[in-house]
């Protein structure tokens, strides 16, 4: 009896095992031949719409890439990632048409992202490229990075912030440039200090003039077109004629990008009106000729 029971259990166990190995419901019993092939490893490409706790960098490596949600504290925000032609074999040199094209794309993307020319705020734009090793591995991207800065004057630092810069300049904003108090020396403005327009001030941001593609100004004569361009911006901002008398209504302060940025295609010149003979309260936007009369002395 015991031997019969043992024989029966062995037969049942064998049947179960055989049933488990049989094909069923479309399975052929081969556990690996229906898996999709693993994709070949490709070059690293950063993501847009994320932020970084690191500062600006000219080149970005995979090892240093650590994106965070823009709601968390961060220093830069990637507003766009573009691509150079796949056929390029070497990184674009500084001042090359390819790099200027990348900056122009980033310039337009950043302006669309914040809702106004990004230069109208305390913001800085930079273009980052793959490292040499990344380029050799096939990376052909460029990254458009935007950040809040402490000032648009010299010695600016990047501000650690929380929250995206999307639509940051679409309306009133603490980032937007406005009224200023100058620090002058020998008839030249050395620094512009932001102040509330309700307080007395002698300068005001009036807009951005786009310089044509010409060499960076190094001589006194080279600066004349920048002053003329900013005077036109000033006239539209205040609502006064852009004529020969405009220079007798107000001084003008021009703040072009540095020579290095100019070389890669940044042609946005920040323009400020400057009342070197008086101070005012309130903005002069749209104030007209009565607020900015022609000076006779």
C-alpha atoms as a PDB file:
ATOM      1  CA  UNK A   1       0.000   0.000   0.000  1.00  0.00           C
ATOM      2  CA  UNK A   2       2.760   2.440   0.960  1.00  0.00           C
ATOM      3  CA  UNK A   3       4.694   1.524  -2.220  1.00  0.00           C
ATOM      4  CA  UNK A   4       1.575   2.164  -4.351  1.00  0.00           C
ATOM      5  CA  UNK A   5       0.984   5.573  -2.733  1.00  0.00           C
ATOM      6  CA  UNK A   6       4.630   6.550  -3.323  1.00  0.00           C
ATOM      7  CA  UNK A   7       4.378   5.553  -6.964  1.00  0.00           C
ATOM      8  CA  UNK A   8       1.175   7.590  -7.398  1.00  0.00           C
ATOM      9  CA  UNK A   9       2.683  10.765  -5.847  1.00  0.00           C
ATOM     10  CA  UNK A  10       5.749  10.460  -8.064  1.00  0.00           C
ATOM     11  CA  UNK A  11       3.565  10.186 -11.139  1.00  0.00           C
ATOM     12  CA  UNK A  12       1.511  13.266 -10.162  1.00  0.00           C
ATOM     13  CA  UNK A  13       4.660  15.327  -9.482  1.00  0.00           C
ATOM     14  CA  UNK A  14       6.150  14.389 -12.845  1.00  0.00           C
ATOM     15  CA  UNK A  15       2.919  15.355 -14.627  1.00  0.00           C
ATOM     16  CA  UNK A  16       2.859  18.786 -12.969  1.00  0.00           C
ATOM     17  CA  UNK A  17       6.472  19.485 -13.912  1.00  0.00           C
ATOM     18  CA  UNK A  18       5.866  18.417 -17.488  1.00  0.00           C
ATOM     19  CA  UNK A  19       2.776  20.631 -17.684  1.00  0.00           C
ATOM     20  CA  UNK A  20       4.778  23.610 -16.452  1.00  0.00           C
ATOM     21  CA  UNK A  21       7.327  23.124 -19.239  1.00  0.00           C
ATOM     22  CA  UNK A  22       4.718  22.715 -21.988  1.00  0.00           C
ATOM     23  CA  UNK A  23       3.885  25.624 -24.287  1.00  0.00           C
ATOM     24  CA  UNK A  24       0.736  27.454 -23.195  1.00  0.00           C
ATOM     25  CA  UNK A  25      -1.120  30.658 -24.052  1.00  0.00           C
ATOM     26  CA  UNK A  26       1.351  31.686 -26.767  1.00  0.00           C
ATOM     27  CA  UNK A  27       4.501  30.897 -24.782  1.00  0.00           C
ATOM     28  CA  UNK A  28       7.044  28.655 -26.447  1.00  0.00           C
ATOM     29  CA  UNK A  29       9.004  27.782 -23.340  1.00  0.00           C
ATOM     30  CA  UNK A  30      12.062  29.866 -24.358  1.00  0.00           C
ATOM     31  CA  UNK A  31      12.511  32.574 -21.740  1.00  0.00           C
ATOM     32  CA  UNK A  32      14.872  34.826 -23.687  1.00  0.00           C
ATOM     33  CA  UNK A  33      14.226  34.711 -27.426  1.00  0.00           C
ATOM     34  CA  UNK A  34      11.169  37.033 -27.289  1.00  0.00           C
ATOM     35  CA  UNK A  35      12.901  39.920 -25.437  1.00  0.00           C
ATOM     36  CA  UNK A  36      13.640  43.043 -27.491  1.00  0.00           C
ATOM     37  CA  UNK A  37      17.312  43.700 -28.134  1.00  0.00           C
ATOM     38  CA  UNK A  38      18.917  46.275 -25.819  1.00  0.00           C
ATOM     39  CA  UNK A  39      19.485  49.596 -27.596  1.00  0.00           C
ATOM     40  CA  UNK A  40      23.050  50.536 -28.421  1.00  0.00           C
ATOM     41  CA  UNK A  41      24.552  53.080 -26.003  1.00  0.00           C
ATOM     42  CA  UNK A  42      24.248  56.633 -27.338  1.00  0.00           C
ATOM     43  CA  UNK A  43      25.765  60.025 -26.545  1.00  0.00           C
ATOM     44  CA  UNK A  44      24.618  61.943 -23.462  1.00  0.00           C
ATOM     45  CA  UNK A  45      22.140  64.773 -24.099  1.00  0.00           C
ATOM     46  CA  UNK A  46      20.939  67.048 -21.259  1.00  0.00           C
ATOM     47  CA  UNK A  47      17.251  67.789 -20.743  1.00  0.00           C
ATOM     48  CA  UNK A  48      15.486  71.134 -21.126  1.00  0.00           C
ATOM     49  CA  UNK A  49      13.058  72.447 -18.520  1.00  0.00           C
ATOM     50  CA  UNK A  50      15.215  71.379 -15.579  1.00  0.00           C
ATOM     51  CA  UNK A  51      17.510  73.288 -13.242  1.00  0.00           C
ATOM     52  CA  UNK A  52      21.018  72.842 -11.862  1.00  0.00           C
ATOM     53  CA  UNK A  53      22.546  73.636  -8.500  1.00  0.00           C
ATOM     54  CA  UNK A  54      25.912  74.209 -10.174  1.00  0.00           C
ATOM     55  CA  UNK A  55      26.998  77.570 -11.587  1.00  0.00           C
ATOM     56  CA  UNK A  56      27.407  78.418 -15.267  1.00  0.00           C
ATOM     57  CA  UNK A  57      29.829  76.203 -17.185  1.00  0.00           C
ATOM     58  CA  UNK A  58      31.191  76.516 -20.708  1.00  0.00           C
ATOM     59  CA  UNK A  59      31.241  72.722 -21.062  1.00  0.00           C
ATOM     60  CA  UNK A  60      29.045  70.089 -19.406  1.00  0.00           C
ATOM     61  CA  UNK A  61      30.094  66.527 -18.615  1.00  0.00           C
ATOM     62  CA  UNK A  62      27.863  63.597 -17.754  1.00  0.00           C
ATOM     63  CA  UNK A  63      29.646  63.252 -14.406  1.00  0.00           C
ATOM     64  CA  UNK A  64      28.751  66.832 -13.461  1.00  0.00           C
ATOM     65  CA  UNK A  65      25.172  66.632 -14.737  1.00  0.00           C
ATOM     66  CA  UNK A  66      22.761  66.642 -11.791  1.00  0.00           C
ATOM     67  CA  UNK A  67      19.376  68.142 -12.732  1.00  0.00           C
ATOM     68  CA  UNK A  68      16.847  69.140 -10.070  1.00  0.00           C
ATOM     69  CA  UNK A  69      13.253  70.270 -10.147  1.00  0.00           C
ATOM     70  CA  UNK A  70      13.134  74.050 -10.585  1.00  0.00           C
ATOM     71  CA  UNK A  71      10.940  74.306  -7.482  1.00  0.00           C
ATOM     72  CA  UNK A  72      14.022  73.322  -5.463  1.00  0.00           C
ATOM     73  CA  UNK A  73      16.897  75.742  -4.757  1.00  0.00           C
ATOM     74  CA  UNK A  74      19.062  76.070  -7.863  1.00  0.00           C
ATOM     75  CA  UNK A  75      21.371  78.450  -9.713  1.00  0.00           C
ATOM     76  CA  UNK A  76      20.687  77.977 -13.416  1.00  0.00           C
ATOM     77  CA  UNK A  77      17.689  76.924 -15.493  1.00  0.00           C
ATOM     78  CA  UNK A  78      17.970  75.192 -18.864  1.00  0.00           C
ATOM     79  CA  UNK A  79      15.382  76.808 -21.119  1.00  0.00           C
ATOM     80  CA  UNK A  80      16.269  74.936 -24.316  1.00  0.00           C
ATOM     81  CA  UNK A  81      18.617  72.294 -25.750  1.00  0.00           C
ATOM     82  CA  UNK A  82      19.468  72.621 -29.441  1.00  0.00           C
ATOM     83  CA  UNK A  83      21.687  70.652 -31.790  1.00  0.00           C
ATOM     84  CA  UNK A  84      24.571  71.365 -34.135  1.00  0.00           C
ATOM     85  CA  UNK A  85      24.645  69.499 -37.456  1.00  0.00           C
ATOM     86  CA  UNK A  86      25.426  65.824 -36.889  1.00  0.00           C
ATOM     87  CA  UNK A  87      28.159  65.960 -39.512  1.00  0.00           C
ATOM     88  CA  UNK A  88      30.376  68.320 -37.534  1.00  0.00           C
ATOM     89  CA  UNK A  89      33.589  66.618 -36.448  1.00  0.00           C
ATOM     90  CA  UNK A  90      34.968  69.294 -34.105  1.00  0.00           C
ATOM     91  CA  UNK A  91      33.379  71.676 -31.575  1.00  0.00           C
ATOM     92  CA  UNK A  92      32.592  75.139 -32.993  1.00  0.00           C
ATOM     93  CA  UNK A  93      35.272  77.709 -32.256  1.00  0.00           C
ATOM     94  CA  UNK A  94      34.550  80.904 -30.380  1.00  0.00           C
ATOM     95  CA  UNK A  95      33.256  83.537 -32.778  1.00  0.00           C
ATOM     96  CA  UNK A  96      32.303  80.943 -35.402  1.00  0.00           C
ATOM     97  CA  UNK A  97      29.054  81.205 -37.338  1.00  0.00           C
ATOM     98  CA  UNK A  98      27.843  77.977 -35.676  1.00  0.00           C
ATOM     99  CA  UNK A  99      28.389  79.332 -32.163  1.00  0.00           C
ATOM    100  CA  UNK A 100      26.805  82.670 -33.021  1.00  0.00           C
ATOM    101  CA  UNK A 101      23.851  80.761 -34.424  1.00  0.00           C
ATOM    102  CA  UNK A 102      23.536  78.779 -31.195  1.00  0.00           C
ATOM    103  CA  UNK A 103      23.593  81.981 -29.149  1.00  0.00           C
ATOM    104  CA  UNK A 104      20.962  83.579 -31.388  1.00  0.00           C
ATOM    105  CA  UNK A 105      18.710  80.558 -30.873  1.00  0.00           C
ATOM    106  CA  UNK A 106      19.261  80.648 -27.096  1.00  0.00           C
ATOM    107  CA  UNK A 107      18.646  84.412 -27.082  1.00  0.00           C
ATOM    108  CA  UNK A 108      15.243  83.985 -28.733  1.00  0.00           C
ATOM    109  CA  UNK A 109      14.328  80.959 -26.580  1.00  0.00           C
ATOM    110  CA  UNK A 110      15.217  82.763 -23.343  1.00  0.00           C
ATOM    111  CA  UNK A 111      13.197  85.827 -24.353  1.00  0.00           C
ATOM    112  CA  UNK A 112      10.198  83.641 -25.122  1.00  0.00           C
ATOM    113  CA  UNK A 113      10.653  81.788 -21.842  1.00  0.00           C
ATOM    114  CA  UNK A 114      10.572  84.882 -19.605  1.00  0.00           C
ATOM    115  CA  UNK A 115       8.066  86.880 -21.683  1.00  0.00           C
ATOM    116  CA  UNK A 116      10.302  89.850 -22.599  1.00  0.00           C
ATOM    117  CA  UNK A 117      13.884  90.482 -23.635  1.00  0.00           C
ATOM    118  CA  UNK A 118      15.782  88.748 -20.830  1.00  0.00           C
ATOM    119  CA  UNK A 119      18.153  91.750 -20.695  1.00  0.00           C
ATOM    120  CA  UNK A 120      15.275  93.803 -19.305  1.00  0.00           C
ATOM    121  CA  UNK A 121      15.773  91.953 -16.023  1.00  0.00           C
ATOM    122  CA  UNK A 122      18.540  90.900 -13.682  1.00  0.00           C
ATOM    123  CA  UNK A 123      19.240  87.874 -15.819  1.00  0.00           C
ATOM    124  CA  UNK A 124      22.191  86.319 -17.617  1.00  0.00           C
ATOM    125  CA  UNK A 125      22.163  83.885 -20.514  1.00  0.00           C
ATOM    126  CA  UNK A 126      24.946  81.453 -21.387  1.00  0.00           C
ATOM    127  CA  UNK A 127      25.493  78.677 -23.916  1.00  0.00           C
ATOM    128  CA  UNK A 128      27.045  75.415 -22.675  1.00  0.00           C
ATOM    129  CA  UNK A 129      28.594  72.753 -24.925  1.00  0.00           C
ATOM    130  CA  UNK A 130      29.590  69.089 -24.515  1.00  0.00           C
ATOM    131  CA  UNK A 131      33.051  68.330 -23.190  1.00  0.00           C
ATOM    132  CA  UNK A 132      35.762  67.102 -25.542  1.00  0.00           C
ATOM    133  CA  UNK A 133      35.061  63.536 -24.492  1.00  0.00           C
ATOM    134  CA  UNK A 134      31.352  64.050 -25.016  1.00  0.00           C
ATOM    135  CA  UNK A 135      31.927  65.471 -28.457  1.00  0.00           C
ATOM    136  CA  UNK A 136      34.120  62.498 -29.350  1.00  0.00           C
ATOM    137  CA  UNK A 137      31.309  60.181 -28.191  1.00  0.00           C
ATOM    138  CA  UNK A 138      28.861  61.825 -30.565  1.00  0.00           C
ATOM    139  CA  UNK A 139      27.245  64.619 -28.540  1.00  0.00           C
ATOM    140  CA  UNK A 140      26.272  67.562 -30.775  1.00  0.00           C
ATOM    141  CA  UNK A 141      24.011  69.586 -28.490  1.00  0.00           C
ATOM    142  CA  UNK A 142      24.168  73.087 -27.072  1.00  0.00           C
ATOM    143  CA  UNK A 143      22.391  74.046 -23.871  1.00  0.00           C
ATOM    144  CA  UNK A 144      20.718  77.419 -23.186  1.00  0.00           C
ATOM    145  CA  UNK A 145      21.157  78.291 -19.507  1.00  0.00           C
ATOM    146  CA  UNK A 146      19.493  81.268 -17.813  1.00  0.00           C
ATOM    147  CA  UNK A 147      20.081  82.576 -14.293  1.00  0.00           C
ATOM    148  CA  UNK A 148      19.121  85.376 -11.955  1.00  0.00           C
ATOM    149  CA  UNK A 149      22.078  87.611 -11.059  1.00  0.00           C
ATOM    150  CA  UNK A 150      22.613  90.069  -8.226  1.00  0.00           C
ATOM    151  CA  UNK A 151      23.171  92.977 -10.624  1.00  0.00           C
ATOM    152  CA  UNK A 152      23.663  93.588 -14.331  1.00  0.00           C
ATOM    153  CA  UNK A 153      26.648  95.776 -13.477  1.00  0.00           C
ATOM    154  CA  UNK A 154      30.200  94.511 -13.027  1.00  0.00           C
ATOM    155  CA  UNK A 155      31.009  91.931 -10.330  1.00  0.00           C
ATOM    156  CA  UNK A 156      27.602  90.274 -10.598  1.00  0.00           C
ATOM    157  CA  UNK A 157      27.028  86.951  -8.860  1.00  0.00           C
ATOM    158  CA  UNK A 158      24.526  84.209  -9.647  1.00  0.00           C
ATOM    159  CA  UNK A 159      21.614  84.091  -7.207  1.00  0.00           C
ATOM    160  CA  UNK A 160      20.386  80.811  -5.716  1.00  0.00           C
ATOM    161  CA  UNK A 161      16.628  80.831  -6.258  1.00  0.00           C
ATOM    162  CA  UNK A 162      13.580  78.576  -6.124  1.00  0.00           C
ATOM    163  CA  UNK A 163      10.975  78.533  -8.862  1.00  0.00           C
ATOM    164  CA  UNK A 164      11.156  78.661 -12.637  1.00  0.00           C
ATOM    165  CA  UNK A 165      11.912  81.850 -14.575  1.00  0.00           C
ATOM    166  CA  UNK A 166       9.095  81.069 -17.010  1.00  0.00           C
ATOM    167  CA  UNK A 167       7.033  84.273 -17.588  1.00  0.00           C
ATOM    168  CA  UNK A 168       9.197  86.082 -15.012  1.00  0.00           C
ATOM    169  CA  UNK A 169       9.167  89.295 -17.091  1.00  0.00           C
ATOM    170  CA  UNK A 170       5.709  89.024 -18.611  1.00  0.00           C
ATOM    171  CA  UNK A 171       4.427  91.608 -16.129  1.00  0.00           C
ATOM    172  CA  UNK A 172       5.705  93.614 -13.160  1.00  0.00           C
ATOM    173  CA  UNK A 173       8.560  91.767 -11.500  1.00  0.00           C
ATOM    174  CA  UNK A 174      11.258  92.407  -8.889  1.00  0.00           C
ATOM    175  CA  UNK A 175      13.668  91.119 -11.528  1.00  0.00           C
ATOM    176  CA  UNK A 176      12.777  93.872 -13.996  1.00  0.00           C
ATOM    177  CA  UNK A 177      15.218  96.769 -14.389  1.00  0.00           C
ATOM    178  CA  UNK A 178      13.775 100.185 -13.572  1.00  0.00           C
ATOM    179  CA  UNK A 179      14.862 103.375 -11.876  1.00  0.00           C
ATOM    180  CA  UNK A 180      18.490 103.810 -10.905  1.00  0.00           C
ATOM    181  CA  UNK A 181      20.774 106.065  -8.925  1.00  0.00           C
ATOM    182  CA  UNK A 182      24.114 106.697 -10.589  1.00  0.00           C
ATOM    183  CA  UNK A 183      27.568 106.726  -9.105  1.00  0.00           C
ATOM    184  CA  UNK A 184      29.481 109.129 -11.323  1.00  0.00           C
ATOM    185  CA  UNK A 185      33.104 110.157 -11.425  1.00  0.00           C
ATOM    186  CA  UNK A 186      34.549 112.845 -13.673  1.00  0.00           C
ATOM    187  CA  UNK A 187      31.382 113.126 -15.735  1.00  0.00           C
ATOM    188  CA  UNK A 188      31.186 109.361 -16.396  1.00  0.00           C
ATOM    189  CA  UNK A 189      28.766 106.906 -14.794  1.00  0.00           C
ATOM    190  CA  UNK A 190      30.738 104.255 -12.934  1.00  0.00           C
ATOM    191  CA  UNK A 191      27.819 102.305 -11.500  1.00  0.00           C
ATOM    192  CA  UNK A 192      24.024 102.112 -11.559  1.00  0.00           C
ATOM    193  CA  UNK A 193      22.227 101.226  -8.333  1.00  0.00           C
ATOM    194  CA  UNK A 194      18.569 100.086  -8.536  1.00  0.00           C
ATOM    195  CA  UNK A 195      16.109 102.123  -6.442  1.00  0.00           C
ATOM    196  CA  UNK A 196      12.351 102.360  -6.087  1.00  0.00           C
ATOM    197  CA  UNK A 197      10.986 104.852  -8.610  1.00  0.00           C
ATOM    198  CA  UNK A 198       9.124 106.598  -5.766  1.00  0.00           C
ATOM    199  CA  UNK A 199      12.485 107.725  -4.368  1.00  0.00           C
ATOM    200  CA  UNK A 200      14.616 110.425  -5.969  1.00  0.00           C
ATOM    201  CA  UNK A 201      16.801 109.113  -8.756  1.00  0.00           C
ATOM    202  CA  UNK A 202      18.699 110.349 -11.781  1.00  0.00           C
ATOM    203  CA  UNK A 203      18.572 107.412 -14.207  1.00  0.00           C
ATOM    204  CA  UNK A 204      16.156 104.822 -15.564  1.00  0.00           C
ATOM    205  CA  UNK A 205      16.413 101.730 -17.743  1.00  0.00           C
ATOM    206  CA  UNK A 206      14.685 102.468 -21.060  1.00  0.00           C
ATOM    207  CA  UNK A 207      15.233  99.308 -23.103  1.00  0.00           C
ATOM    208  CA  UNK A 208      17.611  97.312 -25.262  1.00  0.00           C
ATOM    209  CA  UNK A 209      19.239  98.352 -28.536  1.00  0.00           C
ATOM    210  CA  UNK A 210      20.357  95.581 -30.878  1.00  0.00           C
ATOM    211  CA  UNK A 211      23.734  96.500 -32.339  1.00  0.00           C
ATOM    212  CA  UNK A 212      24.575  95.411 -35.889  1.00  0.00           C
ATOM    213  CA  UNK A 213      27.239  92.799 -36.549  1.00  0.00           C
ATOM    214  CA  UNK A 214      30.375  94.897 -36.254  1.00  0.00           C
ATOM    215  CA  UNK A 215      33.611  94.666 -34.244  1.00  0.00           C
ATOM    216  CA  UNK A 216      33.480  95.340 -30.526  1.00  0.00           C
ATOM    217  CA  UNK A 217      33.980  99.064 -29.763  1.00  0.00           C
ATOM    218  CA  UNK A 218      37.505  99.870 -28.667  1.00  0.00           C
ATOM    219  CA  UNK A 219      37.966 103.510 -29.755  1.00  0.00           C
ATOM    220  CA  UNK A 220      35.897 106.575 -28.891  1.00  0.00           C
ATOM    221  CA  UNK A 221      34.497 106.745 -32.434  1.00  0.00           C
ATOM    222  CA  UNK A 222      33.336 103.118 -32.195  1.00  0.00           C
ATOM    223  CA  UNK A 223      30.984 104.020 -29.343  1.00  0.00           C
ATOM    224  CA  UNK A 224      29.050 106.679 -31.289  1.00  0.00           C
ATOM    225  CA  UNK A 225      26.599 104.198 -32.912  1.00  0.00           C
ATOM    226  CA  UNK A 226      25.807 102.663 -29.503  1.00  0.00           C
ATOM    227  CA  UNK A 227      24.953 106.084 -28.023  1.00  0.00           C
ATOM    228  CA  UNK A 228      22.869 106.970 -31.069  1.00  0.00           C
ATOM    229  CA  UNK A 229      21.013 103.670 -30.864  1.00  0.00           C
ATOM    230  CA  UNK A 230      20.278 104.074 -27.163  1.00  0.00           C
ATOM    231  CA  UNK A 231      19.082 107.641 -27.699  1.00  0.00           C
ATOM    232  CA  UNK A 232      16.498 106.304 -30.144  1.00  0.00           C
ATOM    233  CA  UNK A 233      15.369 103.748 -27.546  1.00  0.00           C
ATOM    234  CA  UNK A 234      15.203 106.544 -24.957  1.00  0.00           C
ATOM    235  CA  UNK A 235      13.079 108.730 -27.225  1.00  0.00           C
ATOM    236  CA  UNK A 236      10.514 105.965 -27.779  1.00  0.00           C
ATOM    237  CA  UNK A 237      10.414 105.121 -24.077  1.00  0.00           C
ATOM    238  CA  UNK A 238       9.795 108.673 -22.854  1.00  0.00           C
ATOM    239  CA  UNK A 239       7.764 109.801 -25.857  1.00  0.00           C
ATOM    240  CA  UNK A 240       9.976 112.602 -27.168  1.00  0.00           C
ATOM    241  CA  UNK A 241      11.169 113.258 -30.732  1.00  0.00           C
ATOM    242  CA  UNK A 242      14.246 111.370 -31.859  1.00  0.00           C
ATOM    243  CA  UNK A 243      15.921 114.431 -33.340  1.00  0.00           C
ATOM    244  CA  UNK A 244      18.990 116.613 -32.894  1.00  0.00           C
ATOM    245  CA  UNK A 245      17.533 118.103 -29.696  1.00  0.00           C
ATOM    246  CA  UNK A 246      17.299 114.752 -27.935  1.00  0.00           C
ATOM    247  CA  UNK A 247      20.886 114.976 -26.699  1.00  0.00           C
ATOM    248  CA  UNK A 248      19.951 118.226 -24.927  1.00  0.00           C
ATOM    249  CA  UNK A 249      17.029 116.609 -23.118  1.00  0.00           C
ATOM    250  CA  UNK A 250      18.889 113.803 -21.371  1.00  0.00           C
ATOM    251  CA  UNK A 251      22.182 112.045 -21.108  1.00  0.00           C
ATOM    252  CA  UNK A 252      22.372 108.346 -21.917  1.00  0.00           C
ATOM    253  CA  UNK A 253      24.258 105.425 -20.367  1.00  0.00           C
ATOM    254  CA  UNK A 254      25.076 102.428 -22.546  1.00  0.00           C
ATOM    255  CA  UNK A 255      25.917  99.013 -21.158  1.00  0.00           C
ATOM    256  CA  UNK A 256      26.976  96.597 -23.931  1.00  0.00           C
ATOM    257  CA  UNK A 257      27.894  92.964 -23.263  1.00  0.00           C
ATOM    258  CA  UNK A 258      31.565  92.218 -22.665  1.00  0.00           C
ATOM    259  CA  UNK A 259      33.969  91.589 -25.523  1.00  0.00           C
ATOM    260  CA  UNK A 260      33.805  87.808 -25.059  1.00  0.00           C
ATOM    261  CA  UNK A 261      30.016  87.725 -25.241  1.00  0.00           C
ATOM    262  CA  UNK A 262      30.056  90.115 -28.200  1.00  0.00           C
ATOM    263  CA  UNK A 263      32.316  87.646 -29.996  1.00  0.00           C
ATOM    264  CA  UNK A 264      29.774  84.825 -29.695  1.00  0.00           C
ATOM    265  CA  UNK A 265      26.960  87.021 -30.994  1.00  0.00           C
ATOM    266  CA  UNK A 266      25.469  88.903 -28.037  1.00  0.00           C
ATOM    267  CA  UNK A 267      24.524  92.309 -29.492  1.00  0.00           C
ATOM    268  CA  UNK A 268      21.999  93.453 -26.888  1.00  0.00           C
ATOM    269  CA  UNK A 269      22.972  96.828 -25.402  1.00  0.00           C
ATOM    270  CA  UNK A 270      21.175  97.930 -22.242  1.00  0.00           C
ATOM    271  CA  UNK A 271      20.192 101.605 -22.419  1.00  0.00           C
ATOM    272  CA  UNK A 272      19.516 104.077 -19.581  1.00  0.00           C
ATOM    273  CA  UNK A 273      18.463 107.712 -19.546  1.00  0.00           C
ATOM    274  CA  UNK A 274      20.647 109.864 -17.308  1.00  0.00           C
ATOM    275  CA  UNK A 275      19.653 113.187 -15.783  1.00  0.00           C
ATOM    276  CA  UNK A 276      23.073 114.576 -14.972  1.00  0.00           C
ATOM    277  CA  UNK A 277      21.642 117.900 -13.776  1.00  0.00           C
ATOM    278  CA  UNK A 278      18.716 116.869 -11.543  1.00  0.00           C
ATOM    279  CA  UNK A 279      16.793 114.083  -9.865  1.00  0.00           C
ATOM    280  CA  UNK A 280      13.149 113.080 -10.235  1.00  0.00           C
ATOM    281  CA  UNK A 281      10.573 110.852  -8.611  1.00  0.00           C
ATOM    282  CA  UNK A 282       8.419 108.467 -10.607  1.00  0.00           C
ATOM    283  CA  UNK A 283       9.080 106.742 -13.909  1.00  0.00           C
ATOM    284  CA  UNK A 284       9.511 108.812 -17.090  1.00  0.00           C
ATOM    285  CA  UNK A 285       7.957 106.120 -19.308  1.00  0.00           C
ATOM    286  CA  UNK A 286       5.587 107.915 -21.704  1.00  0.00           C
ATOM    287  CA  UNK A 287       5.983 111.194 -19.794  1.00  0.00           C
ATOM    288  CA  UNK A 288       6.523 113.214 -22.986  1.00  0.00           C
ATOM    289  CA  UNK A 289       8.450 116.429 -23.764  1.00  0.00           C
ATOM    290  CA  UNK A 290       7.208 118.323 -20.717  1.00  0.00           C
ATOM    291  CA  UNK A 291       8.950 115.866 -18.382  1.00  0.00           C
ATOM    292  CA  UNK A 292      12.158 115.938 -20.431  1.00  0.00           C
ATOM    293  CA  UNK A 293      12.493 119.497 -21.750  1.00  0.00           C
ATOM    294  CA  UNK A 294      15.303 120.686 -23.985  1.00  0.00           C
ATOM    295  CA  UNK A 295      18.006 122.251 -21.851  1.00  0.00           C
ATOM    296  CA  UNK A 296      19.299 125.586 -23.056  1.00  0.00           C
ATOM    297  CA  UNK A 297      22.397 125.773 -20.853  1.00  0.00           C
END
